[in-house]
Amino acid sequence: LRLSCAASGFSLDYFAIGWFRQAPGKEREAVSC
């Protein structure tokens, strides 16, 4: 699968982006940035 994260109202040129995930009953975990 390919997930997309589209930003509006600001430029991603000035922000790092992280992907996180949370499974049922589990804590949120970092995936990538």
ModelCIF file with pLDDT and N, C-alpha, C, O atoms, coordinates in Angstrom:
data_MODEL
#
_entry.id   MODEL 
#
_entity.id                         1 
_entity.type                       polymer 
_entity.pdbx_number_of_molecules   1 
#
_entity_poly.entity_id                      1 
_entity_poly.type                           'polypeptide(L)' 
_entity_poly.nstd_linkage                   no 
_entity_poly.nstd_monomer                   no 
_entity_poly.pdbx_seq_one_letter_code       LRLSCAASGFSLDYFAIGWFRQAPGKEREAVSC 
_entity_poly.pdbx_seq_one_letter_code_can   LRLSCAASGFSLDYFAIGWFRQAPGKEREAVSC 
_entity_poly.pdbx_strand_id                 A 
#
loop_
_entity_poly_seq.entity_id 
_entity_poly_seq.num 
_entity_poly_seq.mon_id 
_entity_poly_seq.hetero 
1 1  LEU n 
1 2  ARG n 
1 3  LEU n 
1 4  SER n 
1 5  CYS n 
1 6  ALA n 
1 7  ALA n 
1 8  SER n 
1 9  GLY n 
1 10 PHE n 
1 11 SER n 
1 12 LEU n 
1 13 ASP n 
1 14 TYR n 
1 15 PHE n 
1 16 ALA n 
1 17 ILE n 
1 18 GLY n 
1 19 TRP n 
1 20 PHE n 
1 21 ARG n 
1 22 GLN n 
1 23 ALA n 
1 24 PRO n 
1 25 GLY n 
1 26 LYS n 
1 27 GLU n 
1 28 ARG n 
1 29 GLU n 
1 30 ALA n 
1 31 VAL n 
1 32 SER n 
1 33 CYS n 
#
_struct_asym.id          A 
_struct_asym.entity_id   1 
#
loop_
_ma_qa_metric.id 
_ma_qa_metric.mode 
_ma_qa_metric.name 
_ma_qa_metric.software_group_id 
_ma_qa_metric.type 
1 global pLDDT . pLDDT 
2 local  pLDDT . pLDDT 
#
_ma_qa_metric_global.metric_id      1 
_ma_qa_metric_global.metric_value   96.06 
_ma_qa_metric_global.model_id       1 
_ma_qa_metric_global.ordinal_id     1 
#
loop_
_ma_qa_metric_local.label_asym_id 
_ma_qa_metric_local.label_comp_id 
_ma_qa_metric_local.label_seq_id 
_ma_qa_metric_local.metric_id 
_ma_qa_metric_local.metric_value 
_ma_qa_metric_local.model_id 
_ma_qa_metric_local.ordinal_id 
A LEU 1  2 98.00 1 1  
A ARG 2  2 98.00 1 2  
A LEU 3  2 98.00 1 3  
A SER 4  2 98.00 1 4  
A CYS 5  2 98.00 1 5  
A ALA 6  2 98.00 1 6  
A ALA 7  2 96.00 1 7  
A SER 8  2 94.00 1 8  
A GLY 9  2 93.00 1 9  
A PHE 10 2 91.00 1 10 
A SER 11 2 92.00 1 11 
A LEU 12 2 92.00 1 12 
A ASP 13 2 91.00 1 13 
A TYR 14 2 93.00 1 14 
A PHE 15 2 95.00 1 15 
A ALA 16 2 96.00 1 16 
A ILE 17 2 97.00 1 17 
A GLY 18 2 98.00 1 18 
A TRP 19 2 98.00 1 19 
A PHE 20 2 98.00 1 20 
A ARG 21 2 98.00 1 21 
A GLN 22 2 98.00 1 22 
A ALA 23 2 97.00 1 23 
A PRO 24 2 92.00 1 24 
A GLY 25 2 94.00 1 25 
A LYS 26 2 96.00 1 26 
A GLU 27 2 97.00 1 27 
A ARG 28 2 97.00 1 28 
A GLU 29 2 97.00 1 29 
A ALA 30 2 98.00 1 30 
A VAL 31 2 98.00 1 31 
A SER 32 2 98.00 1 32 
A CYS 33 2 98.00 1 33 
#
loop_
_atom_site.group_PDB 
_atom_site.id 
_atom_site.type_symbol 
_atom_site.label_atom_id 
_atom_site.label_alt_id 
_atom_site.label_comp_id 
_atom_site.label_asym_id 
_atom_site.label_entity_id 
_atom_site.label_seq_id 
_atom_site.pdbx_PDB_ins_code 
_atom_site.Cartn_x 
_atom_site.Cartn_y 
_atom_site.Cartn_z 
_atom_site.occupancy 
_atom_site.B_iso_or_equiv 
_atom_site.pdbx_formal_charge 
_atom_site.auth_seq_id 
_atom_site.auth_comp_id 
_atom_site.auth_asym_id 
_atom_site.auth_atom_id 
_atom_site.pdbx_PDB_model_num 
ATOM 1   N N  . LEU A 1 1  ? 0.853  -1.179 0.000  1.00 98.00 ? 1  LEU A N  1 
ATOM 2   C CA . LEU A 1 1  ? 0.000  0.000  0.000  1.00 98.00 ? 1  LEU A CA 1 
ATOM 3   C C  . LEU A 1 1  ? 0.888  1.228  0.000  1.00 98.00 ? 1  LEU A C  1 
ATOM 4   O O  . LEU A 1 1  ? 2.024  1.188  0.473  1.00 98.00 ? 1  LEU A O  1 
ATOM 5   N N  . ARG A 1 2  ? 0.358  2.323  -0.537 1.00 98.00 ? 2  ARG A N  1 
ATOM 6   C CA . ARG A 1 2  ? 1.052  3.592  -0.435 1.00 98.00 ? 2  ARG A CA 1 
ATOM 7   C C  . ARG A 1 2  ? 0.132  4.588  0.253  1.00 98.00 ? 2  ARG A C  1 
ATOM 8   O O  . ARG A 1 2  ? -0.956 4.894  -0.237 1.00 98.00 ? 2  ARG A O  1 
ATOM 9   N N  . LEU A 1 3  ? 0.582  5.082  1.385  1.00 98.00 ? 3  LEU A N  1 
ATOM 10  C CA . LEU A 1 3  ? -0.159 6.098  2.114  1.00 98.00 ? 3  LEU A CA 1 
ATOM 11  C C  . LEU A 1 3  ? 0.317  7.479  1.693  1.00 98.00 ? 3  LEU A C  1 
ATOM 12  O O  . LEU A 1 3  ? 1.495  7.687  1.405  1.00 98.00 ? 3  LEU A O  1 
ATOM 13  N N  . SER A 1 4  ? -0.622 8.418  1.664  1.00 98.00 ? 4  SER A N  1 
ATOM 14  C CA . SER A 1 4  ? -0.311 9.802  1.344  1.00 98.00 ? 4  SER A CA 1 
ATOM 15  C C  . SER A 1 4  ? -0.656 10.695 2.521  1.00 98.00 ? 4  SER A C  1 
ATOM 16  O O  . SER A 1 4  ? -1.613 10.446 3.254  1.00 98.00 ? 4  SER A O  1 
ATOM 17  N N  . CYS A 1 5  ? 0.133  11.727 2.684  1.00 98.00 ? 5  CYS A N  1 
ATOM 18  C CA . CYS A 1 5  ? -0.114 12.740 3.716  1.00 98.00 ? 5  CYS A CA 1 
ATOM 19  C C  . CYS A 1 5  ? -0.021 14.091 3.021  1.00 98.00 ? 5  CYS A C  1 
ATOM 20  O O  . CYS A 1 5  ? 1.072  14.589 2.753  1.00 98.00 ? 5  CYS A O  1 
ATOM 21  N N  . ALA A 1 6  ? -1.161 14.669 2.735  1.00 98.00 ? 6  ALA A N  1 
ATOM 22  C CA . ALA A 1 6  ? -1.215 15.932 2.015  1.00 98.00 ? 6  ALA A CA 1 
ATOM 23  C C  . ALA A 1 6  ? -1.387 17.083 2.996  1.00 98.00 ? 6  ALA A C  1 
ATOM 24  O O  . ALA A 1 6  ? -2.258 17.046 3.866  1.00 98.00 ? 6  ALA A O  1 
ATOM 25  N N  . ALA A 1 7  ? -0.559 18.093 2.852  1.00 96.00 ? 7  ALA A N  1 
ATOM 26  C CA . ALA A 1 7  ? -0.613 19.250 3.733  1.00 96.00 ? 7  ALA A CA 1 
ATOM 27  C C  . ALA A 1 7  ? -1.299 20.416 3.041  1.00 96.00 ? 7  ALA A C  1 
ATOM 28  O O  . ALA A 1 7  ? -1.136 20.632 1.840  1.00 96.00 ? 7  ALA A O  1 
ATOM 29  N N  . SER A 1 8  ? -2.064 21.157 3.819  1.00 94.00 ? 8  SER A N  1 
ATOM 30  C CA . SER A 1 8  ? -2.667 22.389 3.310  1.00 94.00 ? 8  SER A CA 1 
ATOM 31  C C  . SER A 1 8  ? -2.545 23.457 4.376  1.00 94.00 ? 8  SER A C  1 
ATOM 32  O O  . SER A 1 8  ? -2.593 23.174 5.573  1.00 94.00 ? 8  SER A O  1 
ATOM 33  N N  . GLY A 1 9  ? -2.387 24.687 3.923  1.00 93.00 ? 9  GLY A N  1 
ATOM 34  C CA . GLY A 1 9  ? -2.255 25.793 4.859  1.00 93.00 ? 9  GLY A CA 1 
ATOM 35  C C  . GLY A 1 9  ? -0.841 26.062 5.321  1.00 93.00 ? 9  GLY A C  1 
ATOM 36  O O  . GLY A 1 9  ? -0.592 27.041 6.024  1.00 93.00 ? 9  GLY A O  1 
ATOM 37  N N  . PHE A 1 10 ? 0.090  25.203 4.935  1.00 91.00 ? 10 PHE A N  1 
ATOM 38  C CA . PHE A 1 10 ? 1.495  25.419 5.261  1.00 91.00 ? 10 PHE A CA 1 
ATOM 39  C C  . PHE A 1 10 ? 2.356  24.595 4.312  1.00 91.00 ? 10 PHE A C  1 
ATOM 40  O O  . PHE A 1 10 ? 1.879  23.668 3.658  1.00 91.00 ? 10 PHE A O  1 
ATOM 41  N N  . SER A 1 11 ? 3.625  24.954 4.254  1.00 92.00 ? 11 SER A N  1 
ATOM 42  C CA . SER A 1 11 ? 4.541  24.267 3.346  1.00 92.00 ? 11 SER A CA 1 
ATOM 43  C C  . SER A 1 11 ? 5.345  23.214 4.093  1.00 92.00 ? 11 SER A C  1 
ATOM 44  O O  . SER A 1 11 ? 5.910  23.483 5.153  1.00 92.00 ? 11 SER A O  1 
ATOM 45  N N  . LEU A 1 12 ? 5.388  22.019 3.531  1.00 92.00 ? 12 LEU A N  1 
ATOM 46  C CA . LEU A 1 12 ? 6.196  20.963 4.129  1.00 92.00 ? 12 LEU A CA 1 
ATOM 47  C C  . LEU A 1 12 ? 7.693  21.202 3.957  1.00 92.00 ? 12 LEU A C  1 
ATOM 48  O O  . LEU A 1 12 ? 8.505  20.440 4.482  1.00 92.00 ? 12 LEU A O  1 
ATOM 49  N N  . ASP A 1 13 ? 8.061  22.249 3.229  1.00 91.00 ? 13 ASP A N  1 
ATOM 50  C CA . ASP A 1 13 ? 9.479  22.598 3.110  1.00 91.00 ? 13 ASP A CA 1 
ATOM 51  C C  . ASP A 1 13 ? 10.063 22.993 4.464  1.00 91.00 ? 13 ASP A C  1 
ATOM 52  O O  . ASP A 1 13 ? 11.282 23.004 4.636  1.00 91.00 ? 13 ASP A O  1 
ATOM 53  N N  . TYR A 1 14 ? 9.191  23.319 5.431  1.00 93.00 ? 14 TYR A N  1 
ATOM 54  C CA . TYR A 1 14 ? 9.657  23.801 6.726  1.00 93.00 ? 14 TYR A CA 1 
ATOM 55  C C  . TYR A 1 14 ? 9.268  22.882 7.877  1.00 93.00 ? 14 TYR A C  1 
ATOM 56  O O  . TYR A 1 14 ? 9.432  23.235 9.045  1.00 93.00 ? 14 TYR A O  1 
ATOM 57  N N  . PHE A 1 15 ? 8.758  21.712 7.545  1.00 95.00 ? 15 PHE A N  1 
ATOM 58  C CA . PHE A 1 15 ? 8.311  20.791 8.582  1.00 95.00 ? 15 PHE A CA 1 
ATOM 59  C C  . PHE A 1 15 ? 8.826  19.379 8.313  1.00 95.00 ? 15 PHE A C  1 
ATOM 60  O O  . PHE A 1 15 ? 8.784  18.894 7.182  1.00 95.00 ? 15 PHE A O  1 
ATOM 61  N N  . ALA A 1 16 ? 9.306  18.740 9.356  1.00 96.00 ? 16 ALA A N  1 
ATOM 62  C CA . ALA A 1 16 ? 9.541  17.306 9.271  1.00 96.00 ? 16 ALA A CA 1 
ATOM 63  C C  . ALA A 1 16 ? 8.186  16.602 9.391  1.00 96.00 ? 16 ALA A C  1 
ATOM 64  O O  . ALA A 1 16 ? 7.277  17.095 10.059 1.00 96.00 ? 16 ALA A O  1 
ATOM 65  N N  . ILE A 1 17 ? 8.067  15.465 8.746  1.00 97.00 ? 17 ILE A N  1 
ATOM 66  C CA . ILE A 1 17 ? 6.837  14.690 8.796  1.00 97.00 ? 17 ILE A CA 1 
ATOM 67  C C  . ILE A 1 17 ? 7.127  13.308 9.361  1.00 97.00 ? 17 ILE A C  1 
ATOM 68  O O  . ILE A 1 17 ? 8.091  12.643 8.980  1.00 97.00 ? 17 ILE A O  1 
ATOM 69  N N  . GLY A 1 18 ? 6.272  12.902 10.270 1.00 98.00 ? 18 GLY A N  1 
ATOM 70  C CA . GLY A 1 18 ? 6.383  11.565 10.840 1.00 98.00 ? 18 GLY A CA 1 
ATOM 71  C C  . GLY A 1 18 ? 5.131  10.759 10.565 1.00 98.00 ? 18 GLY A C  1 
ATOM 72  O O  . GLY A 1 18 ? 4.027  11.297 10.483 1.00 98.00 ? 18 GLY A O  1 
ATOM 73  N N  . TRP A 1 19 ? 5.326  9.460  10.425 1.00 98.00 ? 19 TRP A N  1 
ATOM 74  C CA . TRP A 1 19 ? 4.208  8.523  10.360 1.00 98.00 ? 19 TRP A CA 1 
ATOM 75  C C  . TRP A 1 19 ? 4.202  7.715  11.648 1.00 98.00 ? 19 TRP A C  1 
ATOM 76  O O  . TRP A 1 19 ? 5.238  7.234  12.107 1.00 98.00 ? 19 TRP A O  1 
ATOM 77  N N  . PHE A 1 20 ? 3.016  7.578  12.219 1.00 98.00 ? 20 PHE A N  1 
ATOM 78  C CA . PHE A 1 20 ? 2.822  6.817  13.442 1.00 98.00 ? 20 PHE A CA 1 
ATOM 79  C C  . PHE A 1 20 ? 1.648  5.877  13.231 1.00 98.00 ? 20 PHE A C  1 
ATOM 80  O O  . PHE A 1 20 ? 0.843  6.065  12.319 1.00 98.00 ? 20 PHE A O  1 
ATOM 81  N N  . ARG A 1 21 ? 1.560  4.879  14.066 1.00 98.00 ? 21 ARG A N  1 
ATOM 82  C CA . ARG A 1 21 ? 0.427  3.966  13.953 1.00 98.00 ? 21 ARG A CA 1 
ATOM 83  C C  . ARG A 1 21 ? -0.021 3.522  15.329 1.00 98.00 ? 21 ARG A C  1 
ATOM 84  O O  . ARG A 1 21 ? 0.746  3.517  16.291 1.00 98.00 ? 21 ARG A O  1 
ATOM 85  N N  . GLN A 1 22 ? -1.296 3.147  15.391 1.00 98.00 ? 22 GLN A N  1 
ATOM 86  C CA . GLN A 1 22 ? -1.842 2.646  16.644 1.00 98.00 ? 22 GLN A CA 1 
ATOM 87  C C  . GLN A 1 22 ? -2.793 1.507  16.352 1.00 98.00 ? 22 GLN A C  1 
ATOM 88  O O  . GLN A 1 22 ? -3.787 1.665  15.644 1.00 98.00 ? 22 GLN A O  1 
ATOM 89  N N  . ALA A 1 23 ? -2.470 0.365  16.908 1.00 97.00 ? 23 ALA A N  1 
ATOM 90  C CA . ALA A 1 23 ? -3.313 -0.817 16.775 1.00 97.00 ? 23 ALA A CA 1 
ATOM 91  C C  . ALA A 1 23 ? -4.260 -0.885 17.962 1.00 97.00 ? 23 ALA A C  1 
ATOM 92  O O  . ALA A 1 23 ? -3.963 -0.317 19.013 1.00 97.00 ? 23 ALA A O  1 
ATOM 93  N N  . PRO A 1 24 ? -5.385 -1.560 17.825 1.00 92.00 ? 24 PRO A N  1 
ATOM 94  C CA . PRO A 1 24 ? -6.340 -1.654 18.934 1.00 92.00 ? 24 PRO A CA 1 
ATOM 95  C C  . PRO A 1 24 ? -5.687 -2.221 20.187 1.00 92.00 ? 24 PRO A C  1 
ATOM 96  O O  . PRO A 1 24 ? -5.019 -3.254 20.144 1.00 92.00 ? 24 PRO A O  1 
ATOM 97  N N  . GLY A 1 25 ? -5.890 -1.532 21.293 1.00 94.00 ? 25 GLY A N  1 
ATOM 98  C CA . GLY A 1 25 ? -5.359 -2.001 22.562 1.00 94.00 ? 25 GLY A CA 1 
ATOM 99  C C  . GLY A 1 25 ? -3.877 -1.779 22.760 1.00 94.00 ? 25 GLY A C  1 
ATOM 100 O O  . GLY A 1 25 ? -3.302 -2.225 23.753 1.00 94.00 ? 25 GLY A O  1 
ATOM 101 N N  . LYS A 1 26 ? -3.261 -1.094 21.822 1.00 96.00 ? 26 LYS A N  1 
ATOM 102 C CA . LYS A 1 26 ? -1.816 -0.854 21.931 1.00 96.00 ? 26 LYS A CA 1 
ATOM 103 C C  . LYS A 1 26 ? -1.523 0.633  21.932 1.00 96.00 ? 26 LYS A C  1 
ATOM 104 O O  . LYS A 1 26 ? -2.347 1.449  21.520 1.00 96.00 ? 26 LYS A O  1 
ATOM 105 N N  . GLU A 1 27 ? -0.335 0.966  22.401 1.00 97.00 ? 27 GLU A N  1 
ATOM 106 C CA . GLU A 1 27 ? 0.085  2.352  22.389 1.00 97.00 ? 27 GLU A CA 1 
ATOM 107 C C  . GLU A 1 27 ? 0.497  2.771  20.977 1.00 97.00 ? 27 GLU A C  1 
ATOM 108 O O  . GLU A 1 27 ? 0.865  1.943  20.144 1.00 97.00 ? 27 GLU A O  1 
ATOM 109 N N  . ARG A 1 28 ? 0.425  4.064  20.738 1.00 97.00 ? 28 ARG A N  1 
ATOM 110 C CA . ARG A 1 28 ? 0.865  4.595  19.462 1.00 97.00 ? 28 ARG A CA 1 
ATOM 111 C C  . ARG A 1 28 ? 2.379  4.394  19.332 1.00 97.00 ? 28 ARG A C  1 
ATOM 112 O O  . ARG A 1 28 ? 3.126  4.583  20.293 1.00 97.00 ? 28 ARG A O  1 
ATOM 113 N N  . GLU A 1 29 ? 2.816  4.010  18.136 1.00 97.00 ? 29 GLU A N  1 
ATOM 114 C CA . GLU A 1 29 ? 4.244  3.810  17.917 1.00 97.00 ? 29 GLU A CA 1 
ATOM 115 C C  . GLU A 1 29 ? 4.682  4.550  16.663 1.00 97.00 ? 29 GLU A C  1 
ATOM 116 O O  . GLU A 1 29 ? 3.906  4.763  15.732 1.00 97.00 ? 29 GLU A O  1 
ATOM 117 N N  . ALA A 1 30 ? 5.938  4.928  16.674 1.00 98.00 ? 30 ALA A N  1 
ATOM 118 C CA . ALA A 1 30 ? 6.505  5.614  15.513 1.00 98.00 ? 30 ALA A CA 1 
ATOM 119 C C  . ALA A 1 30 ? 6.839  4.602  14.429 1.00 98.00 ? 30 ALA A C  1 
ATOM 120 O O  . ALA A 1 30 ? 7.266  3.483  14.711 1.00 98.00 ? 30 ALA A O  1 
ATOM 121 N N  . VAL A 1 31 ? 6.639  5.015  13.195 1.00 98.00 ? 31 VAL A N  1 
ATOM 122 C CA . VAL A 1 31 ? 6.937  4.163  12.048 1.00 98.00 ? 31 VAL A CA 1 
ATOM 123 C C  . VAL A 1 31 ? 8.114  4.712  11.252 1.00 98.00 ? 31 VAL A C  1 
ATOM 124 O O  . VAL A 1 31 ? 9.079  3.998  10.982 1.00 98.00 ? 31 VAL A O  1 
ATOM 125 N N  . SER A 1 32 ? 8.027  5.984  10.881 1.00 98.00 ? 32 SER A N  1 
ATOM 126 C CA . SER A 1 32 ? 9.051  6.567  10.035 1.00 98.00 ? 32 SER A CA 1 
ATOM 127 C C  . SER A 1 32 ? 8.942  8.074  10.080 1.00 98.00 ? 32 SER A C  1 
ATOM 128 O O  . SER A 1 32 ? 7.906  8.616  10.467 1.00 98.00 ? 32 SER A O  1 
ATOM 129 N N  . CYS A 1 33 ? 10.007 8.755  9.685  1.00 98.00 ? 33 CYS A N  1 
ATOM 130 C CA . CYS A 1 33 ? 9.946  10.209 9.567  1.00 98.00 ? 33 CYS A CA 1 
ATOM 131 C C  . CYS A 1 33 ? 10.891 10.667 8.464  1.00 98.00 ? 33 CYS A C  1 
ATOM 132 O O  . CYS A 1 33 ? 10.994 11.864 8.197  1.00 98.00 ? 33 CYS A O  1 
#
